[in-house]
N, C-alpha and C. Protein backbone atom coordinates (compact mmCIF):
# COMPACT_ATOMS: atom_id res chain seq x y z
N MET A 1 1.19 6.61 20.01
CA MET A 1 -0.02 7.51 20.38
C MET A 1 -1.13 7.48 20.37
N GLY A 2 -2.52 7.67 20.91
CA GLY A 2 -3.98 7.86 20.06
C GLY A 2 -4.25 7.80 21.99
N ARG A 3 -5.29 8.51 21.29
CA ARG A 3 -6.58 7.91 22.82
C ARG A 3 -8.15 7.36 22.66
N LEU A 4 -8.46 7.18 23.22
CA LEU A 4 -9.95 6.78 23.52
C LEU A 4 -10.87 7.41 23.90
N LEU A 5 -11.95 7.64 22.93
CA LEU A 5 -12.81 8.39 22.59
C LEU A 5 -14.29 7.47 23.26
N PRO A 6 -15.28 7.65 23.73
CA PRO A 6 -16.52 7.94 24.62
C PRO A 6 -17.25 8.17 23.47
N GLN A 7 -18.18 7.33 22.93
CA GLN A 7 -19.41 7.67 22.10
C GLN A 7 -19.69 6.87 22.26
N ARG A 8 -21.73 7.04 21.99
CA ARG A 8 -22.69 6.09 21.87
C ARG A 8 -23.00 5.92 20.00
N VAL A 9 -22.86 4.62 19.72
CA VAL A 9 -22.97 4.14 18.20
C VAL A 9 -23.81 2.56 18.29
N HIS A 10 -24.93 2.86 17.95
CA HIS A 10 -26.28 2.12 17.35
C HIS A 10 -26.60 1.42 18.95
N HIS A 11 -26.86 2.42 19.98
CA HIS A 11 -27.45 2.16 21.23
C HIS A 11 -26.95 0.97 21.67
N MET A 12 -24.95 1.13 21.73
CA MET A 12 -24.10 0.19 22.40
C MET A 12 -22.74 0.94 23.34
N ARG A 13 -22.70 0.07 23.79
CA ARG A 13 -21.40 1.41 24.65
C ARG A 13 -19.98 0.72 23.56
N LEU A 14 -20.24 2.20 23.08
CA LEU A 14 -19.04 1.77 22.30
C LEU A 14 -17.40 3.49 21.88
N SER A 15 -16.32 3.07 22.07
CA SER A 15 -16.17 3.82 21.88
C SER A 15 -14.72 3.90 20.83
N ALA A 16 -14.13 5.17 20.47
CA ALA A 16 -14.02 5.81 18.94
C ALA A 16 -12.18 5.30 19.43
N ILE A 17 -11.57 4.48 18.68
CA ILE A 17 -10.16 4.22 19.09
C ILE A 17 -9.29 5.92 18.12
N ARG A 18 -8.70 6.24 18.42
CA ARG A 18 -7.59 7.05 17.19
C ARG A 18 -6.44 7.17 17.64
N GLY A 19 -5.84 7.01 16.77
CA GLY A 19 -4.04 6.72 17.58
C GLY A 19 -3.41 7.41 15.69
N THR A 20 -2.35 7.12 16.48
CA THR A 20 -1.10 7.67 14.71
C THR A 20 0.10 6.44 15.41
N TYR A 21 0.19 5.83 14.12
CA TYR A 21 1.43 4.90 14.27
C TYR A 21 3.18 5.48 14.10
N GLU A 22 4.18 5.57 14.72
CA GLU A 22 5.03 7.00 14.07
C GLU A 22 6.03 5.71 13.18
N ILE A 23 6.04 5.25 12.15
CA ILE A 23 6.84 4.35 12.12
C ILE A 23 8.67 4.36 11.67
N PRO A 24 9.73 4.86 12.29
CA PRO A 24 11.11 5.06 12.32
C PRO A 24 11.36 4.94 10.55
N LEU A 25 12.32 5.63 9.85
CA LEU A 25 12.68 5.47 8.51
C LEU A 25 14.49 4.97 9.00
N ARG A 26 14.93 4.17 9.17
CA ARG A 26 16.45 4.53 9.18
C ARG A 26 17.75 5.02 8.08
N ARG A 27 16.85 4.39 6.99
CA ARG A 27 17.95 4.97 5.35
C ARG A 27 17.96 6.39 5.29
N ILE A 28 16.92 6.66 5.65
CA ILE A 28 17.60 8.97 5.37
C ILE A 28 17.89 9.13 6.38
N ARG A 29 19.14 10.05 6.21
CA ARG A 29 19.87 10.72 6.91
C ARG A 29 18.93 12.66 6.84
N THR A 30 17.87 12.20 8.17
CA THR A 30 17.58 13.85 8.10
C THR A 30 17.25 13.48 9.76
N ARG A 31 16.88 14.34 10.30
CA ARG A 31 16.77 14.13 12.31
C ARG A 31 15.87 13.47 12.23
N ASN A 32 15.50 12.58 12.59
CA ASN A 32 14.01 11.65 12.99
C ASN A 32 13.79 11.51 11.86
N PRO A 33 13.46 11.14 11.00
CA PRO A 33 13.22 10.94 9.78
C PRO A 33 12.09 9.62 10.59
N SER A 34 10.91 9.93 9.65
CA SER A 34 9.98 8.91 9.72
C SER A 34 8.17 8.88 9.25
N ILE A 35 7.74 8.39 9.28
CA ILE A 35 6.35 8.05 8.59
C ILE A 35 4.65 8.30 9.15
N ARG A 36 4.17 9.08 9.56
CA ARG A 36 2.84 8.65 10.11
C ARG A 36 1.47 8.20 9.95
N VAL A 37 0.81 7.49 10.57
CA VAL A 37 0.27 6.55 9.55
C VAL A 37 -1.12 6.32 10.76
N PRO A 38 -2.59 7.15 10.09
CA PRO A 38 -3.62 7.21 11.44
C PRO A 38 -3.68 5.32 11.11
N ILE A 39 -4.45 5.61 12.09
CA ILE A 39 -5.28 5.04 12.49
C ILE A 39 -5.65 4.91 13.34
N PHE A 40 -7.89 4.16 13.39
CA PHE A 40 -9.07 4.50 13.89
C PHE A 40 -9.88 3.52 13.74
N GLY A 41 -11.41 3.63 14.89
CA GLY A 41 -12.32 2.24 14.52
C GLY A 41 -12.82 2.78 15.28
N ASP A 42 -13.65 2.11 16.23
CA ASP A 42 -14.56 2.10 17.28
C ASP A 42 -14.46 0.31 17.59
N VAL A 43 -14.47 0.53 19.12
CA VAL A 43 -14.05 -0.76 20.07
C VAL A 43 -15.20 -0.96 21.08
N ASP A 44 -15.29 -2.18 21.48
CA ASP A 44 -16.32 -1.96 22.93
C ASP A 44 -15.27 -1.56 23.78
N PRO A 45 -15.05 -1.09 25.30
CA PRO A 45 -14.15 -1.14 26.21
C PRO A 45 -14.17 -1.54 27.67
N PHE A 46 -15.96 -2.34 27.57
CA PHE A 46 -16.21 -3.36 28.29
C PHE A 46 -15.74 -4.64 27.88
N ALA A 47 -15.48 -4.95 26.98
CA ALA A 47 -15.41 -6.54 26.41
C ALA A 47 -14.00 -7.52 26.35
N ARG A 48 -14.27 -8.13 27.75
CA ARG A 48 -12.47 -8.76 27.82
C ARG A 48 -11.98 -9.71 27.03
N SER A 49 -12.94 -9.74 25.08
CA SER A 49 -12.04 -9.86 23.86
C SER A 49 -13.00 -9.62 22.98
N GLN A 50 -12.38 -9.03 21.72
CA GLN A 50 -13.29 -8.52 20.54
C GLN A 50 -12.50 -9.14 19.30
N ASN A 51 -13.75 -8.92 18.11
CA ASN A 51 -13.49 -9.11 17.19
C ASN A 51 -13.53 -7.31 16.81
N THR A 52 -13.08 -6.63 15.76
CA THR A 52 -13.69 -5.60 14.91
C THR A 52 -12.65 -5.08 14.01
N THR A 53 -13.19 -3.78 13.12
CA THR A 53 -12.48 -4.22 11.81
C THR A 53 -12.12 -2.02 12.52
N ILE A 54 -10.24 -1.74 11.73
CA ILE A 54 -10.49 -0.57 12.17
C ILE A 54 -9.45 -0.10 10.81
N SER A 55 -9.36 1.34 10.64
CA SER A 55 -8.31 1.57 9.52
C SER A 55 -7.19 2.55 9.75
N VAL A 56 -6.12 1.56 8.80
CA VAL A 56 -5.00 1.89 9.44
C VAL A 56 -4.15 2.32 7.64
N GLY A 57 -4.30 3.35 7.94
CA GLY A 57 -3.47 4.10 6.78
C GLY A 57 -4.88 4.51 5.60
N GLY A 58 -5.46 4.50 5.46
CA GLY A 58 -7.03 3.89 5.19
C GLY A 58 -6.86 3.13 4.36
N LYS A 59 -6.53 1.48 4.60
CA LYS A 59 -6.48 -0.17 5.05
C LYS A 59 -7.73 -0.12 6.03
N THR A 60 -8.59 -0.91 5.50
CA THR A 60 -8.69 -1.50 6.80
C THR A 60 -8.41 -3.03 7.13
N ILE A 61 -8.06 -3.36 8.17
CA ILE A 61 -8.08 -4.27 8.66
C ILE A 61 -9.01 -5.33 10.07
N ASP A 62 -8.34 -6.39 10.06
CA ASP A 62 -9.68 -7.24 10.87
C ASP A 62 -8.24 -7.58 12.16
N ILE A 63 -8.86 -7.22 13.12
CA ILE A 63 -7.98 -7.05 14.87
C ILE A 63 -8.70 -7.83 15.88
N GLU A 64 -8.26 -8.43 16.41
CA GLU A 64 -8.74 -8.91 17.86
C GLU A 64 -7.98 -8.55 19.12
N ILE A 65 -8.83 -7.91 19.60
CA ILE A 65 -8.28 -7.15 21.53
C ILE A 65 -8.71 -7.93 22.37
N THR A 66 -8.00 -8.81 23.59
CA THR A 66 -7.66 -8.92 24.78
C THR A 66 -7.67 -8.37 25.71
N TYR A 67 -8.18 -8.09 26.95
CA TYR A 67 -8.21 -7.16 27.51
C TYR A 67 -7.12 -7.78 28.63
N LEU A 68 -6.39 -7.49 28.59
CA LEU A 68 -5.11 -7.80 29.80
C LEU A 68 -4.95 -7.48 30.87
N GLY A 69 -4.97 -6.38 31.89
CA GLY A 69 -5.08 -5.19 32.34
C GLY A 69 -5.41 -3.81 32.50
N PRO A 70 -4.94 -3.14 33.80
CA PRO A 70 -4.15 -2.35 33.45
C PRO A 70 -3.18 -2.11 33.14
N LEU A 71 -2.90 -0.10 32.76
CA LEU A 71 -1.76 -0.16 32.21
C LEU A 71 -0.44 0.14 33.96
N PRO A 72 0.44 -0.07 33.65
CA PRO A 72 1.18 1.23 34.76
C PRO A 72 0.78 2.23 34.97
N PRO A 73 0.90 2.75 36.40
CA PRO A 73 0.86 4.50 36.15
C PRO A 73 2.51 4.75 35.42
């Protein structure tokens, strides 16, 4: 789950990516147990491919993003 938020950063066309990764816990016997990990960073929404750094659960991770095409409706 998440969203892409348009914003201007350092005179570049960057967007903030904000999301949550929900990890199901299979060994705990409660109703839909899970852990939610926040994800955020800045990406160029117009780049066909890019390398950037995002934060996942408070840790920085270098990622590569490649545009594959629009999502189906």
